[in-house]
């Protein structure tokens, strides 16, 4: 079943976060992920507002989890830690 990777991010160090973004995109693509939204317009209706919101579609929740735990994504994530405040979830979608 298809899954969505949903991240809500406040970037605190743009230079370091740019390194994350440069590495994360290829890691996500290598696991079948494709971006649907990356930092576009949004309306916050509830909860904590984050300036950057990202949605990527994966073939399955397992593929998204494998991506997150992969060596390539963890290398990317090492640049985001300390450079951002973020929440990340993966949710299956009905199709």
PDB file of N, CA and C in Angstrom:
ATOM      1  N   UNK A   1       0.845  -1.179   0.000  1.00  0.00           N
ATOM      2  CA  UNK A   1       0.000   0.000   0.000  1.00  0.00           C
ATOM      3  C   UNK A   1       0.893   1.245   0.000  1.00  0.00           C
ATOM      4  N   UNK A   2       0.579   2.196  -0.834  1.00  0.00           N
ATOM      5  CA  UNK A   2       1.349   3.434  -0.959  1.00  0.00           C
ATOM      6  C   UNK A   2       1.402   4.178   0.375  1.00  0.00           C
ATOM      7  N   UNK A   3       2.507   4.880   0.596  1.00  0.00           N
ATOM      8  CA  UNK A   3       2.683   5.629   1.844  1.00  0.00           C
ATOM      9  C   UNK A   3       3.197   7.033   1.547  1.00  0.00           C
ATOM     10  N   UNK A   4       2.843   7.951   2.428  1.00  0.00           N
ATOM     11  CA  UNK A   4       3.331   9.317   2.344  1.00  0.00           C
ATOM     12  C   UNK A   4       4.280   9.598   3.496  1.00  0.00           C
ATOM     13  N   UNK A   5       5.406  10.192   3.183  1.00  0.00           N
ATOM     14  CA  UNK A   5       6.415  10.656   4.143  1.00  0.00           C
ATOM     15  C   UNK A   5       6.110  12.135   4.311  1.00  0.00           C
ATOM     16  N   UNK A   6       5.763  12.558   5.508  1.00  0.00           N
ATOM     17  CA  UNK A   6       5.335  13.931   5.751  1.00  0.00           C
ATOM     18  C   UNK A   6       6.255  14.551   6.793  1.00  0.00           C
ATOM     19  N   UNK A   7       6.917  15.628   6.402  1.00  0.00           N
ATOM     20  CA  UNK A   7       7.839  16.323   7.301  1.00  0.00           C
ATOM     21  C   UNK A   7       7.390  17.761   7.492  1.00  0.00           C
ATOM     22  N   UNK A   8       7.442  18.207   8.738  1.00  0.00           N
ATOM     23  CA  UNK A   8       7.171  19.602   9.092  1.00  0.00           C
ATOM     24  C   UNK A   8       8.461  20.136   9.705  1.00  0.00           C
ATOM     25  N   UNK A   9       9.013  21.208   9.131  1.00  0.00           N
ATOM     26  CA  UNK A   9      10.373  21.620   9.479  1.00  0.00           C
ATOM     27  C   UNK A   9      10.473  23.126   9.710  1.00  0.00           C
ATOM     28  N   UNK A  10      11.218  23.486  10.743  1.00  0.00           N
ATOM     29  CA  UNK A  10      11.682  24.851  10.928  1.00  0.00           C
ATOM     30  C   UNK A  10      13.196  24.802  10.788  1.00  0.00           C
ATOM     31  N   UNK A  11      13.721  25.470   9.774  1.00  0.00           N
ATOM     32  CA  UNK A  11      15.163  25.483   9.517  1.00  0.00           C
ATOM     33  C   UNK A  11      15.796  26.562  10.392  1.00  0.00           C
ATOM     34  N   UNK A  12      16.820  26.175  11.162  1.00  0.00           N
ATOM     35  CA  UNK A  12      17.521  27.115  12.038  1.00  0.00           C
ATOM     36  C   UNK A  12      18.930  27.442  11.533  1.00  0.00           C
ATOM     37  N   UNK A  13      19.459  26.621  10.625  1.00  0.00           N
ATOM     38  CA  UNK A  13      20.776  26.853  10.022  1.00  0.00           C
ATOM     39  C   UNK A  13      20.669  26.526   8.535  1.00  0.00           C
ATOM     40  N   UNK A  14      20.330  27.507   7.702  1.00  0.00           N
ATOM     41  CA  UNK A  14      20.097  27.242   6.281  1.00  0.00           C
ATOM     42  C   UNK A  14      21.278  26.608   5.548  1.00  0.00           C
ATOM     43  N   UNK A  15      22.492  26.987   5.894  1.00  0.00           N
ATOM     44  CA  UNK A  15      23.662  26.434   5.209  1.00  0.00           C
ATOM     45  C   UNK A  15      23.801  24.933   5.469  1.00  0.00           C
ATOM     46  N   UNK A  16      23.697  24.528   6.727  1.00  0.00           N
ATOM     47  CA  UNK A  16      23.779  23.103   7.065  1.00  0.00           C
ATOM     48  C   UNK A  16      22.589  22.345   6.502  1.00  0.00           C
ATOM     49  N   UNK A  17      21.407  22.951   6.550  1.00  0.00           N
ATOM     50  CA  UNK A  17      20.212  22.271   6.063  1.00  0.00           C
ATOM     51  C   UNK A  17      20.278  22.073   4.553  1.00  0.00           C
ATOM     52  N   UNK A  18      20.936  22.964   3.846  1.00  0.00           N
ATOM     53  CA  UNK A  18      21.106  22.801   2.399  1.00  0.00           C
ATOM     54  C   UNK A  18      21.915  21.546   2.090  1.00  0.00           C
ATOM     55  N   UNK A  19      22.885  21.218   2.947  1.00  0.00           N
ATOM     56  CA  UNK A  19      23.656  19.979   2.773  1.00  0.00           C
ATOM     57  C   UNK A  19      22.749  18.777   2.950  1.00  0.00           C
ATOM     58  N   UNK A  20      21.856  18.842   3.941  1.00  0.00           N
ATOM     59  CA  UNK A  20      20.876  17.777   4.152  1.00  0.00           C
ATOM     60  C   UNK A  20      20.033  17.600   2.889  1.00  0.00           C
ATOM     61  N   UNK A  21      19.469  18.693   2.390  1.00  0.00           N
ATOM     62  CA  UNK A  21      18.568  18.628   1.240  1.00  0.00           C
ATOM     63  C   UNK A  21      19.260  18.048   0.010  1.00  0.00           C
ATOM     64  N   UNK A  22      20.513  18.412  -0.208  1.00  0.00           N
ATOM     65  CA  UNK A  22      21.253  17.915  -1.364  1.00  0.00           C
ATOM     66  C   UNK A  22      21.448  16.406  -1.303  1.00  0.00           C
ATOM     67  N   UNK A  23      21.610  15.860  -0.112  1.00  0.00           N
ATOM     68  CA  UNK A  23      21.818  14.419   0.058  1.00  0.00           C
ATOM     69  C   UNK A  23      20.511  13.649   0.222  1.00  0.00           C
ATOM     70  N   UNK A  24      19.514  14.271   0.827  1.00  0.00           N
ATOM     71  CA  UNK A  24      18.252  13.573   1.109  1.00  0.00           C
ATOM     72  C   UNK A  24      17.484  13.241  -0.163  1.00  0.00           C
ATOM     73  N   UNK A  25      17.452  14.154  -1.120  1.00  0.00           N
ATOM     74  CA  UNK A  25      16.707  13.909  -2.358  1.00  0.00           C
ATOM     75  C   UNK A  25      17.123  12.633  -3.061  1.00  0.00           C
ATOM     76  N   UNK A  26      18.415  12.438  -3.329  1.00  0.00           N
ATOM     77  CA  UNK A  26      18.844  11.192  -3.963  1.00  0.00           C
ATOM     78  C   UNK A  26      18.575   9.949  -3.106  1.00  0.00           C
ATOM     79  N   UNK A  27      18.709  10.062  -1.793  1.00  0.00           N
ATOM     80  CA  UNK A  27      18.431   8.918  -0.915  1.00  0.00           C
ATOM     81  C   UNK A  27      16.958   8.531  -0.988  1.00  0.00           C
ATOM     82  N   UNK A  28      16.092   9.521  -1.006  1.00  0.00           N
ATOM     83  CA  UNK A  28      14.658   9.263  -1.104  1.00  0.00           C
ATOM     84  C   UNK A  28      14.326   8.636  -2.456  1.00  0.00           C
ATOM     85  N   UNK A  29      14.872   9.184  -3.531  1.00  0.00           N
ATOM     86  CA  UNK A  29      14.617   8.637  -4.866  1.00  0.00           C
ATOM     87  C   UNK A  29      15.117   7.202  -4.999  1.00  0.00           C
ATOM     88  N   UNK A  30      16.240   6.888  -4.376  1.00  0.00           N
ATOM     89  CA  UNK A  30      16.811   5.540  -4.443  1.00  0.00           C
ATOM     90  C   UNK A  30      15.903   4.490  -3.814  1.00  0.00           C
ATOM     91  N   UNK A  31      14.978   4.925  -2.963  1.00  0.00           N
ATOM     92  CA  UNK A  31      14.044   3.999  -2.313  1.00  0.00           C
ATOM     93  C   UNK A  31      12.633   4.111  -2.893  1.00  0.00           C
ATOM     94  N   UNK A  32      12.543   4.676  -4.084  1.00  0.00           N
ATOM     95  CA  UNK A  32      11.258   4.758  -4.767  1.00  0.00           C
ATOM     96  C   UNK A  32      10.421   5.961  -4.379  1.00  0.00           C
ATOM     97  N   UNK A  33      10.989   6.869  -3.595  1.00  0.00           N
ATOM     98  CA  UNK A  33      10.251   8.053  -3.162  1.00  0.00           C
ATOM     99  C   UNK A  33      10.230   9.133  -4.227  1.00  0.00           C
ATOM    100  N   UNK A  34       9.122   9.863  -4.279  1.00  0.00           N
ATOM    101  CA  UNK A  34       8.977  10.989  -5.207  1.00  0.00           C
ATOM    102  C   UNK A  34       8.311  12.137  -4.459  1.00  0.00           C
ATOM    103  N   UNK A  35       8.876  13.322  -4.591  1.00  0.00           N
ATOM    104  CA  UNK A  35       8.325  14.476  -3.890  1.00  0.00           C
ATOM    105  C   UNK A  35       7.003  14.919  -4.517  1.00  0.00           C
ATOM    106  N   UNK A  36       6.057  15.208  -3.649  1.00  0.00           N
ATOM    107  CA  UNK A  36       4.759  15.749  -4.066  1.00  0.00           C
ATOM    108  C   UNK A  36       4.650  17.217  -3.674  1.00  0.00           C
ATOM    109  N   UNK A  37       5.295  17.588  -2.579  1.00  0.00           N
ATOM    110  CA  UNK A  37       5.295  18.976  -2.093  1.00  0.00           C
ATOM    111  C   UNK A  37       6.601  19.216  -1.369  1.00  0.00           C
ATOM    112  N   UNK A  38       7.197  20.395  -1.624  1.00  0.00           N
ATOM    113  CA  UNK A  38       8.458  20.764  -0.963  1.00  0.00           C
ATOM    114  C   UNK A  38       8.451  22.253  -0.681  1.00  0.00           C
ATOM    115  N   UNK A  39       7.967  22.627   0.495  1.00  0.00           N
ATOM    116  CA  UNK A  39       8.061  24.009   0.915  1.00  0.00           C
ATOM    117  C   UNK A  39       7.104  24.973   0.245  1.00  0.00           C
ATOM    118  N   UNK A  40       6.040  24.485  -0.365  1.00  0.00           N
ATOM    119  CA  UNK A  40       5.091  25.366  -1.038  1.00  0.00           C
ATOM    120  C   UNK A  40       4.159  26.079  -0.062  1.00  0.00           C
ATOM    121  N   UNK A  41       3.225  26.817  -0.624  1.00  0.00           N
ATOM    122  CA  UNK A  41       2.231  27.533   0.186  1.00  0.00           C
ATOM    123  C   UNK A  41       1.440  26.542   1.039  1.00  0.00           C
ATOM    124  N   UNK A  42       1.059  26.998   2.218  1.00  0.00           N
ATOM    125  CA  UNK A  42       0.246  26.166   3.100  1.00  0.00           C
ATOM    126  C   UNK A  42      -0.596  27.053   3.992  1.00  0.00           C
ATOM    127  N   UNK A  43      -1.603  26.450   4.588  1.00  0.00           N
ATOM    128  CA  UNK A  43      -2.445  27.110   5.578  1.00  0.00           C
ATOM    129  C   UNK A  43      -2.422  26.231   6.822  1.00  0.00           C
ATOM    130  N   UNK A  44      -1.953  26.767   7.928  1.00  0.00           N
ATOM    131  CA  UNK A  44      -1.900  26.027   9.187  1.00  0.00           C
ATOM    132  C   UNK A  44      -3.246  26.170   9.878  1.00  0.00           C
ATOM    133  N   UNK A  45      -3.955  25.086  10.038  1.00  0.00           N
ATOM    134  CA  UNK A  45      -5.274  25.128  10.663  1.00  0.00           C
ATOM    135  C   UNK A  45      -5.235  24.715  12.135  1.00  0.00           C
ATOM    136  N   UNK A  46      -4.306  23.839  12.485  1.00  0.00           N
ATOM    137  CA  UNK A  46      -4.159  23.400  13.876  1.00  0.00           C
ATOM    138  C   UNK A  46      -2.697  23.072  14.127  1.00  0.00           C
ATOM    139  N   UNK A  47      -2.322  23.038  15.395  1.00  0.00           N
ATOM    140  CA  UNK A  47      -0.991  22.595  15.773  1.00  0.00           C
ATOM    141  C   UNK A  47       0.089  23.628  15.536  1.00  0.00           C
ATOM    142  N   UNK A  48       1.334  23.155  15.678  1.00  0.00           N
ATOM    143  CA  UNK A  48       2.500  24.029  15.564  1.00  0.00           C
ATOM    144  C   UNK A  48       2.833  24.293  14.099  1.00  0.00           C
ATOM    145  N   UNK A  49       2.938  25.554  13.759  1.00  0.00           N
ATOM    146  CA  UNK A  49       3.288  25.930  12.392  1.00  0.00           C
ATOM    147  C   UNK A  49       4.784  25.760  12.167  1.00  0.00           C
ATOM    148  N   UNK A  50       5.125  25.146  11.058  1.00  0.00           N
ATOM    149  CA  UNK A  50       6.507  25.010  10.606  1.00  0.00           C
ATOM    150  C   UNK A  50       6.596  25.641   9.224  1.00  0.00           C
ATOM    151  N   UNK A  51       7.646  26.364   8.963  1.00  0.00           N
ATOM    152  CA  UNK A  51       7.765  27.109   7.709  1.00  0.00           C
ATOM    153  C   UNK A  51       7.933  26.207   6.490  1.00  0.00           C
ATOM    154  N   UNK A  52       8.471  25.017   6.677  1.00  0.00           N
ATOM    155  CA  UNK A  52       8.724  24.116   5.542  1.00  0.00           C
ATOM    156  C   UNK A  52       7.964  22.818   5.754  1.00  0.00           C
ATOM    157  N   UNK A  53       7.215  22.426   4.752  1.00  0.00           N
ATOM    158  CA  UNK A  53       6.436  21.188   4.803  1.00  0.00           C
ATOM    159  C   UNK A  53       6.740  20.389   3.544  1.00  0.00           C
ATOM    160  N   UNK A  54       7.052  19.114   3.730  1.00  0.00           N
ATOM    161  CA  UNK A  54       7.477  18.261   2.620  1.00  0.00           C
ATOM    162  C   UNK A  54       6.649  16.981   2.634  1.00  0.00           C
ATOM    163  N   UNK A  55       6.195  16.572   1.453  1.00  0.00           N
ATOM    164  CA  UNK A  55       5.472  15.315   1.304  1.00  0.00           C
ATOM    165  C   UNK A  55       6.127  14.539   0.170  1.00  0.00           C
ATOM    166  N   UNK A  56       6.486  13.294   0.454  1.00  0.00           N
ATOM    167  CA  UNK A  56       7.027  12.403  -0.575  1.00  0.00           C
ATOM    168  C   UNK A  56       6.191  11.128  -0.584  1.00  0.00           C
ATOM    169  N   UNK A  57       5.980  10.600  -1.763  1.00  0.00           N
ATOM    170  CA  UNK A  57       5.195   9.377  -1.929  1.00  0.00           C
ATOM    171  C   UNK A  57       6.163   8.207  -2.121  1.00  0.00           C
ATOM    172  N   UNK A  58       5.910   7.114  -1.395  1.00  0.00           N
ATOM    173  CA  UNK A  58       6.707   5.892  -1.503  1.00  0.00           C
ATOM    174  C   UNK A  58       5.804   4.734  -1.912  1.00  0.00           C
ATOM    175  N   UNK A  59       6.377   3.696  -2.529  1.00  0.00           N
ATOM    176  CA  UNK A  59       5.566   2.535  -2.900  1.00  0.00           C
ATOM    177  C   UNK A  59       4.906   1.850  -1.697  1.00  0.00           C
ATOM    178  N   UNK A  60       5.567   1.910  -0.539  1.00  0.00           N
ATOM    179  CA  UNK A  60       5.012   1.276   0.664  1.00  0.00           C
ATOM    180  C   UNK A  60       5.605   1.935   1.907  1.00  0.00           C
ATOM    181  N   UNK A  61       4.972   1.687   3.040  1.00  0.00           N
ATOM    182  CA  UNK A  61       5.494   2.202   4.308  1.00  0.00           C
ATOM    183  C   UNK A  61       6.856   1.565   4.610  1.00  0.00           C
ATOM    184  N   UNK A  62       7.028   0.313   4.187  1.00  0.00           N
ATOM    185  CA  UNK A  62       8.307  -0.368   4.402  1.00  0.00           C
ATOM    186  C   UNK A  62       9.426   0.292   3.599  1.00  0.00           C
ATOM    187  N   UNK A  63       9.124   0.696   2.367  1.00  0.00           N
ATOM    188  CA  UNK A  63      10.136   1.394   1.561  1.00  0.00           C
ATOM    189  C   UNK A  63      10.538   2.714   2.210  1.00  0.00           C
ATOM    190  N   UNK A  64       9.552   3.429   2.758  1.00  0.00           N
ATOM    191  CA  UNK A  64       9.845   4.701   3.426  1.00  0.00           C
ATOM    192  C   UNK A  64      10.707   4.474   4.668  1.00  0.00           C
ATOM    193  N   UNK A  65      10.389   3.436   5.429  1.00  0.00           N
ATOM    194  CA  UNK A  65      11.197   3.128   6.620  1.00  0.00           C
ATOM    195  C   UNK A  65      12.613   2.712   6.238  1.00  0.00           C
ATOM    196  N   UNK A  66      12.740   1.904   5.184  1.00  0.00           N
ATOM    197  CA  UNK A  66      14.078   1.500   4.716  1.00  0.00           C
ATOM    198  C   UNK A  66      14.882   2.727   4.298  1.00  0.00           C
ATOM    199  N   UNK A  67      14.221   3.657   3.643  1.00  0.00           N
ATOM    200  CA  UNK A  67      14.897   4.893   3.250  1.00  0.00           C
ATOM    201  C   UNK A  67      15.405   5.624   4.483  1.00  0.00           C
ATOM    202  N   UNK A  68      14.536   5.820   5.458  1.00  0.00           N
ATOM    203  CA  UNK A  68      14.910   6.562   6.661  1.00  0.00           C
ATOM    204  C   UNK A  68      16.121   5.928   7.340  1.00  0.00           C
ATOM    205  N   UNK A  69      16.150   4.619   7.423  1.00  0.00           N
ATOM    206  CA  UNK A  69      17.224   3.918   8.131  1.00  0.00           C
ATOM    207  C   UNK A  69      18.449   3.642   7.254  1.00  0.00           C
ATOM    208  N   UNK A  70      18.379   3.993   5.972  1.00  0.00           N
ATOM    209  CA  UNK A  70      19.501   3.721   5.069  1.00  0.00           C
ATOM    210  C   UNK A  70      20.717   4.569   5.441  1.00  0.00           C
ATOM    211  N   UNK A  71      21.865   4.072   5.059  1.00  0.00           N
ATOM    212  CA  UNK A  71      23.121   4.790   5.303  1.00  0.00           C
ATOM    213  C   UNK A  71      23.103   6.156   4.615  1.00  0.00           C
ATOM    214  N   UNK A  72      22.585   6.197   3.391  1.00  0.00           N
ATOM    215  CA  UNK A  72      22.567   7.460   2.639  1.00  0.00           C
ATOM    216  C   UNK A  72      21.678   8.505   3.309  1.00  0.00           C
ATOM    217  N   UNK A  73      20.497   8.094   3.760  1.00  0.00           N
ATOM    218  CA  UNK A  73      19.611   9.072   4.393  1.00  0.00           C
ATOM    219  C   UNK A  73      20.146   9.486   5.762  1.00  0.00           C
ATOM    220  N   UNK A  74      20.721   8.562   6.501  1.00  0.00           N
ATOM    221  CA  UNK A  74      21.275   8.910   7.811  1.00  0.00           C
ATOM    222  C   UNK A  74      22.435   9.899   7.667  1.00  0.00           C
ATOM    223  N   UNK A  75      23.206   9.754   6.592  1.00  0.00           N
ATOM    224  CA  UNK A  75      24.264  10.734   6.318  1.00  0.00           C
ATOM    225  C   UNK A  75      23.649  12.109   6.071  1.00  0.00           C
ATOM    226  N   UNK A  76      22.589  12.151   5.276  1.00  0.00           N
ATOM    227  CA  UNK A  76      21.893  13.420   5.031  1.00  0.00           C
ATOM    228  C   UNK A  76      21.356  13.986   6.345  1.00  0.00           C
ATOM    229  N   UNK A  77      20.728  13.136   7.127  1.00  0.00           N
ATOM    230  CA  UNK A  77      20.109  13.557   8.380  1.00  0.00           C
ATOM    231  C   UNK A  77      21.125  14.128   9.361  1.00  0.00           C
ATOM    232  N   UNK A  78      22.363  13.689   9.273  1.00  0.00           N
ATOM    233  CA  UNK A  78      23.389  14.218  10.177  1.00  0.00           C
ATOM    234  C   UNK A  78      23.569  15.730   9.985  1.00  0.00           C
ATOM    235  N   UNK A  79      23.229  16.238   8.802  1.00  0.00           N
ATOM    236  CA  UNK A  79      23.325  17.679   8.539  1.00  0.00           C
ATOM    237  C   UNK A  79      22.074  18.431   9.011  1.00  0.00           C
ATOM    238  N   UNK A  80      20.949  17.734   9.110  1.00  0.00           N
ATOM    239  CA  UNK A  80      19.701  18.374   9.550  1.00  0.00           C
ATOM    240  C   UNK A  80      19.639  18.490  11.067  1.00  0.00           C
ATOM    241  N   UNK A  81      20.242  17.530  11.754  1.00  0.00           N
ATOM    242  CA  UNK A  81      20.241  17.577  13.222  1.00  0.00           C
ATOM    243  C   UNK A  81      21.049  18.796  13.664  1.00  0.00           C
ATOM    244  N   UNK A  82      20.474  19.606  14.512  1.00  0.00           N
ATOM    245  CA  UNK A  82      21.134  20.819  14.945  1.00  0.00           C
ATOM    246  C   UNK A  82      20.929  21.985  13.990  1.00  0.00           C
ATOM    247  N   UNK A  83      20.378  21.708  12.801  1.00  0.00           N
ATOM    248  CA  UNK A  83      20.122  22.754  11.816  1.00  0.00           C
ATOM    249  C   UNK A  83      18.631  22.960  11.593  1.00  0.00           C
ATOM    250  N   UNK A  84      17.821  22.194  12.344  1.00  0.00           N
ATOM    251  CA  UNK A  84      16.376  22.284  12.148  1.00  0.00           C
ATOM    252  C   UNK A  84      15.640  21.676  13.337  1.00  0.00           C
ATOM    253  N   UNK A  85      14.385  22.074  13.447  1.00  0.00           N
ATOM    254  CA  UNK A  85      13.435  21.414  14.344  1.00  0.00           C
ATOM    255  C   UNK A  85      12.438  20.764  13.410  1.00  0.00           C
ATOM    256  N   UNK A  86      12.138  19.481  13.625  1.00  0.00           N
ATOM    257  CA  UNK A  86      11.313  18.783  12.647  1.00  0.00           C
ATOM    258  C   UNK A  86      10.505  17.659  13.244  1.00  0.00           C
ATOM    259  N   UNK A  87       9.410  17.394  12.601  1.00  0.00           N
ATOM    260  CA  UNK A  87       8.618  16.207  12.861  1.00  0.00           C
ATOM    261  C   UNK A  87       8.543  15.449  11.542  1.00  0.00           C
ATOM    262  N   UNK A  88       8.586  14.144  11.611  1.00  0.00           N
ATOM    263  CA  UNK A  88       8.514  13.309  10.411  1.00  0.00           C
ATOM    264  C   UNK A  88       7.641  12.105  10.712  1.00  0.00           C
ATOM    265  N   UNK A  89       6.729  11.824   9.812  1.00  0.00           N
ATOM    266  CA  UNK A  89       5.881  10.637   9.948  1.00  0.00           C
ATOM    267  C   UNK A  89       5.707  10.007   8.595  1.00  0.00           C
ATOM    268  N   UNK A  90       5.336   8.734   8.598  1.00  0.00           N
ATOM    269  CA  UNK A  90       4.973   8.029   7.380  1.00  0.00           C
ATOM    270  C   UNK A  90       3.586   7.451   7.624  1.00  0.00           C
ATOM    271  N   UNK A  91       2.708   7.638   6.661  1.00  0.00           N
ATOM    272  CA  UNK A  91       1.342   7.155   6.799  1.00  0.00           C
ATOM    273  C   UNK A  91       0.911   6.453   5.512  1.00  0.00           C
ATOM    274  N   UNK A  92       0.275   5.288   5.653  1.00  0.00           N
ATOM    275  CA  UNK A  92      -0.266   4.598   4.489  1.00  0.00           C
ATOM    276  C   UNK A  92      -1.506   5.344   3.991  1.00  0.00           C
ATOM    277  N   UNK A  93      -1.702   5.281   2.679  1.00  0.00           N
ATOM    278  CA  UNK A  93      -2.892   5.919   2.121  1.00  0.00           C
ATOM    279  C   UNK A  93      -3.755   4.886   1.424  1.00  0.00           C
ATOM    280  N   UNK A  94      -5.051   5.097   1.500  1.00  0.00           N
ATOM    281  CA  UNK A  94      -6.008   4.245   0.791  1.00  0.00           C
ATOM    282  C   UNK A  94      -6.052   4.679  -0.671  1.00  0.00           C
ATOM    283  N   UNK A  95      -6.035   3.708  -1.536  1.00  0.00           N
ATOM    284  CA  UNK A  95      -6.133   4.044  -2.960  1.00  0.00           C
ATOM    285  C   UNK A  95      -7.197   3.202  -3.595  1.00  0.00           C
TER     286      UNK A  95
END
